[in-house]
Amino acid sequence: MALRTGPHPFLLELLCNRIVELHEATGKVDVAVAYQEETPIIEAHFARLLEAVNADTGGRGTALLRGIAAGLGTDAASADMARLRLMGVVSDRTLFSSEFGRFVLLHVPG
């Protein structure tokens, strides 16, 4: 689950609740199905994160996120990277979840 939501409390709670609901309905634990059902809400949250990143970095942050998601080097000491860390979208030199990285690669022009 951490690859999908990272340590993000809202996303983790959302996914866990769906897993429990599916288990109660079917008797099975199926993380993939739960994630698929919650994808629209999760991706809407990812989109809001990108908007917040751009607002906080004067439009420069999403390019940094794309570079990180693509595995390119970034200036880890920059003020924008410090903002991204404070926002919780970057930890060290990785994004908070692989699914967020996939979303960034799909939705941020490169």
N, C-alpha and C. Protein backbone atom coordinates (compact mmCIF):
# COMPACT_ATOMS: atom_id res chain seq x y z
N MET A 1 0.81 -1.19 0.00
CA MET A 1 0.00 0.00 0.00
C MET A 1 0.86 1.26 0.00
N ALA A 2 2.00 1.19 0.67
CA ALA A 2 2.84 2.39 0.76
C ALA A 2 3.30 2.87 -0.61
N LEU A 3 3.48 1.96 -1.56
CA LEU A 3 3.88 2.39 -2.91
C LEU A 3 2.78 3.21 -3.56
N ARG A 4 1.55 2.92 -3.18
CA ARG A 4 0.42 3.62 -3.78
C ARG A 4 0.10 4.94 -3.09
N THR A 5 0.13 4.96 -1.76
CA THR A 5 -0.26 6.14 -1.02
C THR A 5 0.89 6.83 -0.32
N GLY A 6 2.02 6.14 -0.17
CA GLY A 6 3.09 6.68 0.65
C GLY A 6 2.60 6.82 2.07
N PRO A 7 3.26 7.64 2.85
CA PRO A 7 2.83 7.82 4.24
C PRO A 7 1.73 8.87 4.40
N HIS A 8 1.12 9.28 3.28
CA HIS A 8 0.10 10.33 3.32
C HIS A 8 -1.12 9.84 4.10
N PRO A 9 -1.45 10.47 5.23
CA PRO A 9 -2.51 9.94 6.10
C PRO A 9 -3.89 9.88 5.44
N PHE A 10 -4.27 10.91 4.69
CA PHE A 10 -5.59 10.90 4.05
C PHE A 10 -5.69 9.78 3.03
N LEU A 11 -4.67 9.66 2.18
CA LEU A 11 -4.71 8.63 1.14
C LEU A 11 -4.66 7.23 1.73
N LEU A 12 -3.85 7.06 2.75
CA LEU A 12 -3.75 5.76 3.41
C LEU A 12 -5.07 5.38 4.07
N GLU A 13 -5.69 6.33 4.75
CA GLU A 13 -6.99 6.06 5.38
C GLU A 13 -8.05 5.72 4.33
N LEU A 14 -8.06 6.47 3.25
CA LEU A 14 -9.01 6.23 2.17
C LEU A 14 -8.89 4.81 1.63
N LEU A 15 -7.67 4.40 1.36
CA LEU A 15 -7.44 3.07 0.81
C LEU A 15 -7.77 1.99 1.84
N CYS A 16 -7.36 2.19 3.06
CA CYS A 16 -7.66 1.18 4.11
C CYS A 16 -9.17 1.02 4.32
N ASN A 17 -9.88 2.13 4.33
CA ASN A 17 -11.33 2.04 4.48
C ASN A 17 -11.96 1.25 3.35
N ARG A 18 -11.51 1.46 2.14
CA ARG A 18 -12.05 0.72 0.99
C ARG A 18 -11.70 -0.76 1.09
N ILE A 19 -10.50 -1.08 1.53
CA ILE A 19 -10.11 -2.49 1.71
C ILE A 19 -11.04 -3.16 2.72
N VAL A 20 -11.31 -2.49 3.82
CA VAL A 20 -12.21 -3.05 4.85
C VAL A 20 -13.61 -3.22 4.28
N GLU A 21 -14.11 -2.23 3.57
CA GLU A 21 -15.45 -2.33 2.97
C GLU A 21 -15.52 -3.51 2.00
N LEU A 22 -14.51 -3.67 1.18
CA LEU A 22 -14.50 -4.80 0.23
C LEU A 22 -14.41 -6.14 0.97
N HIS A 23 -13.62 -6.18 2.03
CA HIS A 23 -13.51 -7.41 2.81
C HIS A 23 -14.84 -7.77 3.45
N GLU A 24 -15.51 -6.78 4.00
CA GLU A 24 -16.82 -7.03 4.60
C GLU A 24 -17.83 -7.52 3.57
N ALA A 25 -17.73 -7.02 2.34
CA ALA A 25 -18.68 -7.40 1.29
C ALA A 25 -18.34 -8.74 0.64
N THR A 26 -17.04 -9.07 0.54
CA THR A 26 -16.64 -10.25 -0.23
C THR A 26 -15.89 -11.31 0.56
N GLY A 27 -15.38 -10.92 1.73
CA GLY A 27 -14.57 -11.84 2.50
C GLY A 27 -13.13 -11.93 2.01
N LYS A 28 -12.77 -11.09 1.03
CA LYS A 28 -11.42 -11.10 0.47
C LYS A 28 -10.73 -9.77 0.70
N VAL A 29 -9.42 -9.82 0.83
CA VAL A 29 -8.61 -8.61 0.90
C VAL A 29 -7.97 -8.43 -0.47
N ASP A 30 -8.36 -7.37 -1.15
CA ASP A 30 -7.85 -7.12 -2.49
C ASP A 30 -7.44 -5.66 -2.62
N VAL A 31 -6.17 -5.40 -2.38
CA VAL A 31 -5.65 -4.03 -2.40
C VAL A 31 -5.78 -3.43 -3.80
N ALA A 32 -5.52 -4.22 -4.82
CA ALA A 32 -5.57 -3.71 -6.19
C ALA A 32 -6.97 -3.23 -6.56
N VAL A 33 -7.98 -4.00 -6.20
CA VAL A 33 -9.37 -3.59 -6.48
C VAL A 33 -9.73 -2.36 -5.67
N ALA A 34 -9.33 -2.35 -4.41
CA ALA A 34 -9.60 -1.18 -3.56
C ALA A 34 -8.96 0.07 -4.15
N TYR A 35 -7.72 -0.05 -4.58
CA TYR A 35 -7.04 1.10 -5.17
C TYR A 35 -7.75 1.55 -6.44
N GLN A 36 -8.11 0.59 -7.26
CA GLN A 36 -8.79 0.93 -8.51
C GLN A 36 -10.09 1.70 -8.24
N GLU A 37 -10.82 1.29 -7.22
CA GLU A 37 -12.07 1.96 -6.90
C GLU A 37 -11.85 3.37 -6.34
N GLU A 38 -10.73 3.59 -5.68
CA GLU A 38 -10.44 4.89 -5.08
C GLU A 38 -9.59 5.78 -5.98
N THR A 39 -9.15 5.27 -7.12
CA THR A 39 -8.27 6.02 -8.01
C THR A 39 -8.80 7.42 -8.35
N PRO A 40 -10.07 7.60 -8.67
CA PRO A 40 -10.52 8.97 -9.00
C PRO A 40 -10.29 9.97 -7.85
N ILE A 41 -10.54 9.55 -6.63
CA ILE A 41 -10.35 10.45 -5.49
C ILE A 41 -8.86 10.68 -5.25
N ILE A 42 -8.07 9.63 -5.35
CA ILE A 42 -6.62 9.75 -5.14
C ILE A 42 -6.01 10.65 -6.19
N GLU A 43 -6.38 10.46 -7.44
CA GLU A 43 -5.81 11.29 -8.50
C GLU A 43 -6.28 12.74 -8.41
N ALA A 44 -7.49 12.97 -7.93
CA ALA A 44 -7.95 14.35 -7.70
C ALA A 44 -7.09 15.00 -6.62
N HIS A 45 -6.74 14.23 -5.62
CA HIS A 45 -5.86 14.75 -4.57
C HIS A 45 -4.46 15.03 -5.12
N PHE A 46 -3.95 14.14 -5.95
CA PHE A 46 -2.65 14.37 -6.59
C PHE A 46 -2.69 15.67 -7.40
N ALA A 47 -3.78 15.91 -8.13
CA ALA A 47 -3.90 17.13 -8.94
C ALA A 47 -3.89 18.37 -8.04
N ARG A 48 -4.57 18.30 -6.90
CA ARG A 48 -4.56 19.42 -5.96
C ARG A 48 -3.15 19.64 -5.39
N LEU A 49 -2.43 18.56 -5.16
CA LEU A 49 -1.05 18.70 -4.69
C LEU A 49 -0.19 19.43 -5.72
N LEU A 50 -0.37 19.08 -7.00
CA LEU A 50 0.40 19.77 -8.04
C LEU A 50 0.06 21.25 -8.08
N GLU A 51 -1.21 21.59 -7.91
CA GLU A 51 -1.61 22.99 -7.88
C GLU A 51 -0.96 23.71 -6.70
N ALA A 52 -0.95 23.06 -5.54
CA ALA A 52 -0.34 23.66 -4.34
C ALA A 52 1.16 23.83 -4.53
N VAL A 53 1.80 22.83 -5.14
CA VAL A 53 3.24 22.92 -5.40
C VAL A 53 3.53 24.11 -6.29
N ASN A 54 2.77 24.28 -7.35
CA ASN A 54 2.99 25.40 -8.25
C ASN A 54 2.75 26.73 -7.56
N ALA A 55 1.72 26.80 -6.73
CA ALA A 55 1.43 28.03 -6.01
C ALA A 55 2.57 28.38 -5.05
N ASP A 56 3.11 27.40 -4.39
CA ASP A 56 4.16 27.64 -3.39
C ASP A 56 5.53 27.88 -4.00
N THR A 57 5.74 27.51 -5.25
CA THR A 57 7.06 27.64 -5.86
C THR A 57 7.07 28.57 -7.07
N GLY A 58 6.02 29.33 -7.23
CA GLY A 58 5.97 30.23 -8.38
C GLY A 58 5.96 29.52 -9.71
N GLY A 59 5.40 28.31 -9.73
CA GLY A 59 5.29 27.54 -10.97
C GLY A 59 6.50 26.68 -11.30
N ARG A 60 7.52 26.67 -10.44
CA ARG A 60 8.74 25.92 -10.72
C ARG A 60 8.73 24.50 -10.15
N GLY A 61 7.87 24.24 -9.19
CA GLY A 61 7.92 22.99 -8.45
C GLY A 61 7.56 21.76 -9.25
N THR A 62 6.59 21.88 -10.16
CA THR A 62 6.19 20.68 -10.89
C THR A 62 7.30 20.18 -11.81
N ALA A 63 8.12 21.11 -12.33
CA ALA A 63 9.26 20.67 -13.15
C ALA A 63 10.25 19.88 -12.30
N LEU A 64 10.46 20.31 -11.06
CA LEU A 64 11.32 19.56 -10.15
C LEU A 64 10.73 18.18 -9.87
N LEU A 65 9.41 18.14 -9.62
CA LEU A 65 8.76 16.85 -9.35
C LEU A 65 8.90 15.92 -10.55
N ARG A 66 8.73 16.47 -11.75
CA ARG A 66 8.85 15.64 -12.95
C ARG A 66 10.27 15.08 -13.07
N GLY A 67 11.25 15.92 -12.80
CA GLY A 67 12.63 15.46 -12.85
C GLY A 67 12.90 14.34 -11.86
N ILE A 68 12.36 14.47 -10.65
CA ILE A 68 12.52 13.43 -9.64
C ILE A 68 11.82 12.15 -10.10
N ALA A 69 10.59 12.29 -10.59
CA ALA A 69 9.83 11.12 -11.04
C ALA A 69 10.52 10.41 -12.20
N ALA A 70 11.19 11.18 -13.05
CA ALA A 70 11.88 10.60 -14.21
C ALA A 70 13.26 10.07 -13.87
N GLY A 71 13.69 10.27 -12.62
CA GLY A 71 15.00 9.78 -12.21
C GLY A 71 16.15 10.69 -12.57
N LEU A 72 15.85 11.93 -12.91
CA LEU A 72 16.90 12.90 -13.24
C LEU A 72 17.39 13.58 -11.97
N GLY A 73 18.57 14.06 -11.98
CA GLY A 73 19.10 14.75 -10.82
C GLY A 73 18.41 16.09 -10.61
N THR A 74 18.40 16.54 -9.37
CA THR A 74 17.85 17.84 -9.04
C THR A 74 18.81 18.55 -8.10
N ASP A 75 18.63 19.82 -7.98
CA ASP A 75 19.42 20.59 -7.02
C ASP A 75 18.77 20.44 -5.65
N ALA A 76 19.26 19.47 -4.89
CA ALA A 76 18.66 19.14 -3.60
C ALA A 76 18.75 20.29 -2.61
N ALA A 77 19.64 21.25 -2.84
CA ALA A 77 19.81 22.35 -1.90
C ALA A 77 18.96 23.57 -2.25
N SER A 78 18.20 23.52 -3.32
CA SER A 78 17.45 24.70 -3.74
C SER A 78 16.31 25.00 -2.76
N ALA A 79 15.90 26.26 -2.76
CA ALA A 79 14.79 26.68 -1.91
C ALA A 79 13.50 25.96 -2.31
N ASP A 80 13.32 25.74 -3.61
CA ASP A 80 12.11 25.03 -4.05
C ASP A 80 12.09 23.59 -3.55
N MET A 81 13.25 22.93 -3.57
CA MET A 81 13.31 21.55 -3.03
C MET A 81 13.00 21.56 -1.54
N ALA A 82 13.47 22.57 -0.83
CA ALA A 82 13.17 22.67 0.60
C ALA A 82 11.67 22.81 0.81
N ARG A 83 11.00 23.60 -0.03
CA ARG A 83 9.54 23.74 0.06
C ARG A 83 8.84 22.41 -0.21
N LEU A 84 9.32 21.68 -1.21
CA LEU A 84 8.71 20.39 -1.54
C LEU A 84 8.86 19.41 -0.38
N ARG A 85 10.00 19.45 0.29
CA ARG A 85 10.18 18.59 1.47
C ARG A 85 9.23 18.99 2.58
N LEU A 86 9.10 20.30 2.82
CA LEU A 86 8.19 20.78 3.86
C LEU A 86 6.73 20.42 3.56
N MET A 87 6.38 20.40 2.28
CA MET A 87 5.03 20.03 1.87
C MET A 87 4.79 18.52 2.00
N GLY A 88 5.87 17.76 2.12
CA GLY A 88 5.74 16.32 2.26
C GLY A 88 5.64 15.55 0.95
N VAL A 89 5.87 16.22 -0.17
CA VAL A 89 5.78 15.52 -1.45
C VAL A 89 7.12 14.91 -1.86
N VAL A 90 8.21 15.40 -1.24
CA VAL A 90 9.54 14.86 -1.50
C VAL A 90 10.17 14.46 -0.18
N SER A 91 10.75 13.28 -0.18
CA SER A 91 11.51 12.81 0.97
C SER A 91 12.88 12.42 0.45
N ASP A 92 13.90 13.06 0.98
CA ASP A 92 15.25 12.89 0.45
C ASP A 92 15.21 13.32 -1.01
N ARG A 93 15.38 12.40 -1.94
CA ARG A 93 15.31 12.75 -3.37
C ARG A 93 14.30 11.88 -4.11
N THR A 94 13.27 11.46 -3.40
CA THR A 94 12.21 10.66 -4.02
C THR A 94 10.85 11.27 -3.70
N LEU A 95 9.88 10.96 -4.52
CA LEU A 95 8.51 11.41 -4.26
C LEU A 95 7.89 10.54 -3.19
N PHE A 96 6.83 11.03 -2.55
CA PHE A 96 6.27 10.33 -1.41
C PHE A 96 5.62 9.00 -1.77
N SER A 97 5.25 8.80 -3.02
CA SER A 97 4.72 7.50 -3.44
C SER A 97 5.01 7.27 -4.92
N SER A 98 5.12 6.02 -5.30
CA SER A 98 5.37 5.70 -6.71
C SER A 98 4.17 6.07 -7.58
N GLU A 99 2.97 5.95 -7.05
CA GLU A 99 1.78 6.32 -7.82
C GLU A 99 1.74 7.82 -8.08
N PHE A 100 2.18 8.61 -7.11
CA PHE A 100 2.27 10.06 -7.34
C PHE A 100 3.30 10.33 -8.43
N GLY A 101 4.40 9.60 -8.42
CA GLY A 101 5.39 9.74 -9.48
C GLY A 101 4.82 9.41 -10.85
N ARG A 102 4.06 8.32 -10.93
CA ARG A 102 3.41 7.96 -12.19
C ARG A 102 2.47 9.07 -12.64
N PHE A 103 1.69 9.61 -11.70
CA PHE A 103 0.76 10.69 -12.00
C PHE A 103 1.51 11.92 -12.52
N VAL A 104 2.60 12.28 -11.87
CA VAL A 104 3.40 13.42 -12.29
C VAL A 104 3.90 13.22 -13.71
N LEU A 105 4.42 12.04 -14.02
CA LEU A 105 4.94 11.79 -15.37
C LEU A 105 3.84 11.88 -16.42
N LEU A 106 2.62 11.50 -16.06
CA LEU A 106 1.51 11.56 -17.01
C LEU A 106 0.94 12.96 -17.20
N HIS A 107 1.02 13.77 -16.14
CA HIS A 107 0.28 15.04 -16.16
C HIS A 107 1.14 16.30 -16.17
N VAL A 108 2.42 16.16 -15.98
CA VAL A 108 3.30 17.35 -16.02
C VAL A 108 4.12 17.29 -17.29
N PRO A 109 3.95 18.28 -18.16
CA PRO A 109 4.71 18.26 -19.41
C PRO A 109 6.21 18.25 -19.15
N GLY A 110 6.92 17.55 -19.99
CA GLY A 110 8.36 17.46 -19.80
C GLY A 110 9.09 17.91 -20.98
